[in-house]
Amino acid sequence: MEPGSHRLLTNRVGDAIAEAFTVKTGLTLTDMTCPESELDGAAGAVMTCEAATTGGRSGPVVLTVQGAEGTRVDFSWRLGDS
């Protein structure tokens, strides 16, 4: 597989980042809905998803693919002020 040729299922992204999200924000993701079912695995790919947390906050979470090696992809995010 060539770098960037794979795609990620967005319905699994929330589970994949849940623990790190909690550590970084102090909030627990309860739901995340993305506009598309797949995210391009190429470094630099961006998608904005709608998230809800146990703290009652909700808003856009911007997912950015930082790098991909095989099937490992790291994300960065920022929770909107909603």
N, C-alpha and C. Protein backbone atom coordinates (compact mmCIF):
# COMPACT_ATOMS: atom_id res chain seq x y z
N MET A 1 0.84 -1.17 0.00
CA MET A 1 0.00 0.00 0.00
C MET A 1 0.89 1.24 0.00
N GLU A 2 0.63 2.16 -0.88
CA GLU A 2 1.41 3.39 -0.94
C GLU A 2 0.91 4.36 0.12
N PRO A 3 1.81 5.18 0.68
CA PRO A 3 1.38 6.16 1.68
C PRO A 3 0.24 7.01 1.16
N GLY A 4 -0.76 7.20 2.01
CA GLY A 4 -1.90 8.04 1.65
C GLY A 4 -2.93 7.35 0.80
N SER A 5 -2.74 6.07 0.49
CA SER A 5 -3.70 5.40 -0.37
C SER A 5 -4.82 4.75 0.42
N HIS A 6 -4.75 4.78 1.74
CA HIS A 6 -5.79 4.16 2.55
C HIS A 6 -6.74 5.22 3.10
N ARG A 7 -7.91 4.75 3.51
CA ARG A 7 -8.91 5.63 4.07
C ARG A 7 -9.30 5.09 5.44
N LEU A 8 -9.77 5.97 6.31
CA LEU A 8 -10.15 5.61 7.67
C LEU A 8 -11.65 5.71 7.83
N LEU A 9 -12.25 4.74 8.49
CA LEU A 9 -13.68 4.78 8.75
C LEU A 9 -13.94 5.78 9.87
N THR A 10 -14.75 6.79 9.58
CA THR A 10 -14.97 7.85 10.57
C THR A 10 -15.78 7.37 11.77
N ASN A 11 -16.56 6.29 11.61
CA ASN A 11 -17.33 5.81 12.76
C ASN A 11 -16.43 5.16 13.81
N ARG A 12 -15.15 4.99 13.52
CA ARG A 12 -14.20 4.43 14.49
C ARG A 12 -13.24 5.49 15.03
N VAL A 13 -13.25 6.66 14.46
CA VAL A 13 -12.31 7.70 14.88
C VAL A 13 -12.56 8.11 16.33
N GLY A 14 -13.82 8.27 16.72
CA GLY A 14 -14.14 8.65 18.09
C GLY A 14 -13.57 7.67 19.10
N ASP A 15 -13.73 6.39 18.83
CA ASP A 15 -13.18 5.36 19.71
C ASP A 15 -11.66 5.44 19.75
N ALA A 16 -11.06 5.69 18.60
CA ALA A 16 -9.60 5.72 18.50
C ALA A 16 -8.97 6.87 19.27
N ILE A 17 -9.65 8.02 19.34
CA ILE A 17 -9.07 9.18 20.01
C ILE A 17 -9.65 9.42 21.40
N ALA A 18 -10.63 8.61 21.83
CA ALA A 18 -11.36 8.88 23.07
C ALA A 18 -10.45 9.06 24.29
N GLU A 19 -9.52 8.14 24.50
CA GLU A 19 -8.67 8.21 25.69
C GLU A 19 -7.77 9.45 25.65
N ALA A 20 -7.13 9.68 24.53
CA ALA A 20 -6.25 10.85 24.40
C ALA A 20 -7.05 12.14 24.49
N PHE A 21 -8.26 12.15 23.96
CA PHE A 21 -9.13 13.33 24.02
C PHE A 21 -9.42 13.67 25.48
N THR A 22 -9.75 12.65 26.28
CA THR A 22 -10.05 12.86 27.69
C THR A 22 -8.84 13.40 28.43
N VAL A 23 -7.67 12.84 28.17
CA VAL A 23 -6.44 13.30 28.82
C VAL A 23 -6.18 14.76 28.47
N LYS A 24 -6.35 15.11 27.21
CA LYS A 24 -6.02 16.47 26.74
C LYS A 24 -7.04 17.51 27.18
N THR A 25 -8.35 17.15 27.14
CA THR A 25 -9.39 18.14 27.39
C THR A 25 -10.07 18.02 28.75
N GLY A 26 -9.93 16.85 29.40
CA GLY A 26 -10.65 16.61 30.65
C GLY A 26 -12.10 16.25 30.42
N LEU A 27 -12.49 16.10 29.17
CA LEU A 27 -13.87 15.76 28.81
C LEU A 27 -13.91 14.37 28.19
N THR A 28 -15.06 13.71 28.31
CA THR A 28 -15.23 12.39 27.72
C THR A 28 -16.17 12.49 26.52
N LEU A 29 -15.72 12.00 25.39
CA LEU A 29 -16.57 11.99 24.19
C LEU A 29 -17.74 11.04 24.40
N THR A 30 -18.94 11.51 24.11
CA THR A 30 -20.11 10.63 24.16
C THR A 30 -20.64 10.34 22.77
N ASP A 31 -20.33 11.21 21.82
CA ASP A 31 -20.80 11.01 20.46
C ASP A 31 -19.94 11.85 19.52
N MET A 32 -19.71 11.32 18.34
CA MET A 32 -19.02 12.09 17.30
C MET A 32 -19.62 11.69 15.96
N THR A 33 -20.09 12.69 15.23
CA THR A 33 -20.70 12.47 13.93
C THR A 33 -19.91 13.23 12.88
N CYS A 34 -19.48 12.51 11.86
CA CYS A 34 -18.69 13.11 10.78
C CYS A 34 -19.53 13.18 9.51
N PRO A 35 -19.27 14.17 8.65
CA PRO A 35 -20.08 14.36 7.44
C PRO A 35 -19.87 13.29 6.38
N GLU A 36 -18.77 12.56 6.46
CA GLU A 36 -18.49 11.50 5.49
C GLU A 36 -18.14 10.23 6.24
N SER A 37 -18.31 9.09 5.60
CA SER A 37 -18.05 7.81 6.27
C SER A 37 -16.58 7.44 6.27
N GLU A 38 -15.77 8.12 5.47
CA GLU A 38 -14.34 7.83 5.40
C GLU A 38 -13.53 9.11 5.38
N LEU A 39 -12.33 9.03 5.98
CA LEU A 39 -11.38 10.14 5.98
C LEU A 39 -10.13 9.67 5.25
N ASP A 40 -9.66 10.48 4.34
CA ASP A 40 -8.43 10.15 3.62
C ASP A 40 -7.29 9.99 4.62
N GLY A 41 -6.52 8.93 4.49
CA GLY A 41 -5.42 8.66 5.41
C GLY A 41 -4.14 9.41 5.10
N ALA A 42 -4.14 10.26 4.08
CA ALA A 42 -2.94 11.01 3.71
C ALA A 42 -2.64 12.08 4.75
N ALA A 43 -1.36 12.26 5.06
CA ALA A 43 -0.96 13.31 6.00
C ALA A 43 -1.50 14.65 5.53
N GLY A 44 -2.07 15.39 6.46
CA GLY A 44 -2.64 16.69 6.15
C GLY A 44 -4.13 16.67 5.86
N ALA A 45 -4.72 15.49 5.70
CA ALA A 45 -6.16 15.40 5.46
C ALA A 45 -6.90 15.96 6.68
N VAL A 46 -7.98 16.71 6.44
CA VAL A 46 -8.72 17.36 7.51
C VAL A 46 -10.20 17.07 7.35
N MET A 47 -10.88 16.86 8.47
CA MET A 47 -12.34 16.72 8.47
C MET A 47 -12.87 17.32 9.76
N THR A 48 -13.97 18.04 9.67
CA THR A 48 -14.61 18.59 10.85
C THR A 48 -15.82 17.73 11.18
N CYS A 49 -15.84 17.22 12.40
CA CYS A 49 -16.93 16.37 12.87
C CYS A 49 -17.64 17.09 14.02
N GLU A 50 -18.86 16.70 14.31
CA GLU A 50 -19.62 17.27 15.42
C GLU A 50 -19.49 16.33 16.61
N ALA A 51 -19.09 16.87 17.76
CA ALA A 51 -18.86 16.03 18.94
C ALA A 51 -19.71 16.50 20.11
N ALA A 52 -20.02 15.55 21.00
CA ALA A 52 -20.70 15.84 22.25
C ALA A 52 -19.89 15.18 23.37
N THR A 53 -19.91 15.81 24.55
CA THR A 53 -19.13 15.29 25.68
C THR A 53 -20.01 15.16 26.92
N THR A 54 -19.51 14.40 27.90
CA THR A 54 -20.23 14.24 29.16
C THR A 54 -20.32 15.55 29.93
N GLY A 55 -19.44 16.48 29.66
CA GLY A 55 -19.47 17.77 30.32
C GLY A 55 -20.54 18.70 29.78
N GLY A 56 -21.36 18.21 28.86
CA GLY A 56 -22.41 19.02 28.28
C GLY A 56 -21.95 19.92 27.15
N ARG A 57 -20.67 19.86 26.82
CA ARG A 57 -20.18 20.67 25.70
C ARG A 57 -20.38 19.92 24.40
N SER A 58 -20.66 20.67 23.38
CA SER A 58 -20.74 20.08 22.04
C SER A 58 -20.22 21.11 21.06
N GLY A 59 -19.85 20.62 19.91
CA GLY A 59 -19.34 21.53 18.90
C GLY A 59 -18.43 20.80 17.94
N PRO A 60 -17.83 21.55 17.04
CA PRO A 60 -16.99 20.92 16.03
C PRO A 60 -15.64 20.46 16.58
N VAL A 61 -15.24 19.29 16.16
CA VAL A 61 -13.91 18.78 16.45
C VAL A 61 -13.21 18.64 15.10
N VAL A 62 -12.10 19.32 14.94
CA VAL A 62 -11.35 19.27 13.69
C VAL A 62 -10.30 18.17 13.81
N LEU A 63 -10.42 17.17 12.95
CA LEU A 63 -9.47 16.06 12.92
C LEU A 63 -8.48 16.31 11.81
N THR A 64 -7.21 16.22 12.11
CA THR A 64 -6.16 16.41 11.12
C THR A 64 -5.23 15.21 11.17
N VAL A 65 -5.05 14.54 10.04
CA VAL A 65 -4.14 13.41 9.99
C VAL A 65 -2.72 13.97 10.03
N GLN A 66 -1.98 13.59 11.06
CA GLN A 66 -0.62 14.10 11.25
C GLN A 66 0.41 13.27 10.52
N GLY A 67 0.15 12.01 10.39
CA GLY A 67 1.10 11.13 9.72
C GLY A 67 0.53 9.74 9.64
N ALA A 68 0.97 8.99 8.68
CA ALA A 68 0.45 7.63 8.53
C ALA A 68 1.62 6.70 8.23
N GLU A 69 1.62 5.59 8.91
CA GLU A 69 2.63 4.57 8.67
C GLU A 69 1.88 3.24 8.71
N GLY A 70 1.62 2.67 7.56
CA GLY A 70 0.77 1.49 7.52
C GLY A 70 -0.64 1.91 7.88
N THR A 71 -1.17 1.33 8.95
CA THR A 71 -2.53 1.67 9.35
C THR A 71 -2.56 2.57 10.58
N ARG A 72 -1.41 3.03 11.05
CA ARG A 72 -1.37 3.92 12.22
C ARG A 72 -1.48 5.37 11.77
N VAL A 73 -2.43 6.06 12.37
CA VAL A 73 -2.62 7.47 12.04
C VAL A 73 -2.82 8.23 13.34
N ASP A 74 -2.14 9.35 13.49
CA ASP A 74 -2.28 10.20 14.66
C ASP A 74 -3.14 11.39 14.29
N PHE A 75 -3.94 11.84 15.25
CA PHE A 75 -4.83 12.96 15.01
C PHE A 75 -4.55 14.10 15.96
N SER A 76 -4.86 15.30 15.53
CA SER A 76 -4.92 16.44 16.43
C SER A 76 -6.33 16.98 16.31
N TRP A 77 -6.78 17.67 17.32
CA TRP A 77 -8.14 18.17 17.30
C TRP A 77 -8.22 19.42 18.15
N ARG A 78 -9.28 20.16 17.93
CA ARG A 78 -9.57 21.29 18.80
C ARG A 78 -11.08 21.35 18.94
N LEU A 79 -11.56 21.38 20.15
CA LEU A 79 -12.98 21.43 20.42
C LEU A 79 -13.43 22.87 20.31
N GLY A 80 -14.44 23.10 19.51
CA GLY A 80 -14.95 24.45 19.32
C GLY A 80 -15.57 25.00 20.59
N ASP A 81 -15.73 26.29 20.66
CA ASP A 81 -16.34 26.94 21.82
C ASP A 81 -17.84 26.98 21.66
N SER A 82 -18.47 25.84 21.87
CA SER A 82 -19.93 25.77 21.75
C SER A 82 -20.54 25.45 23.08
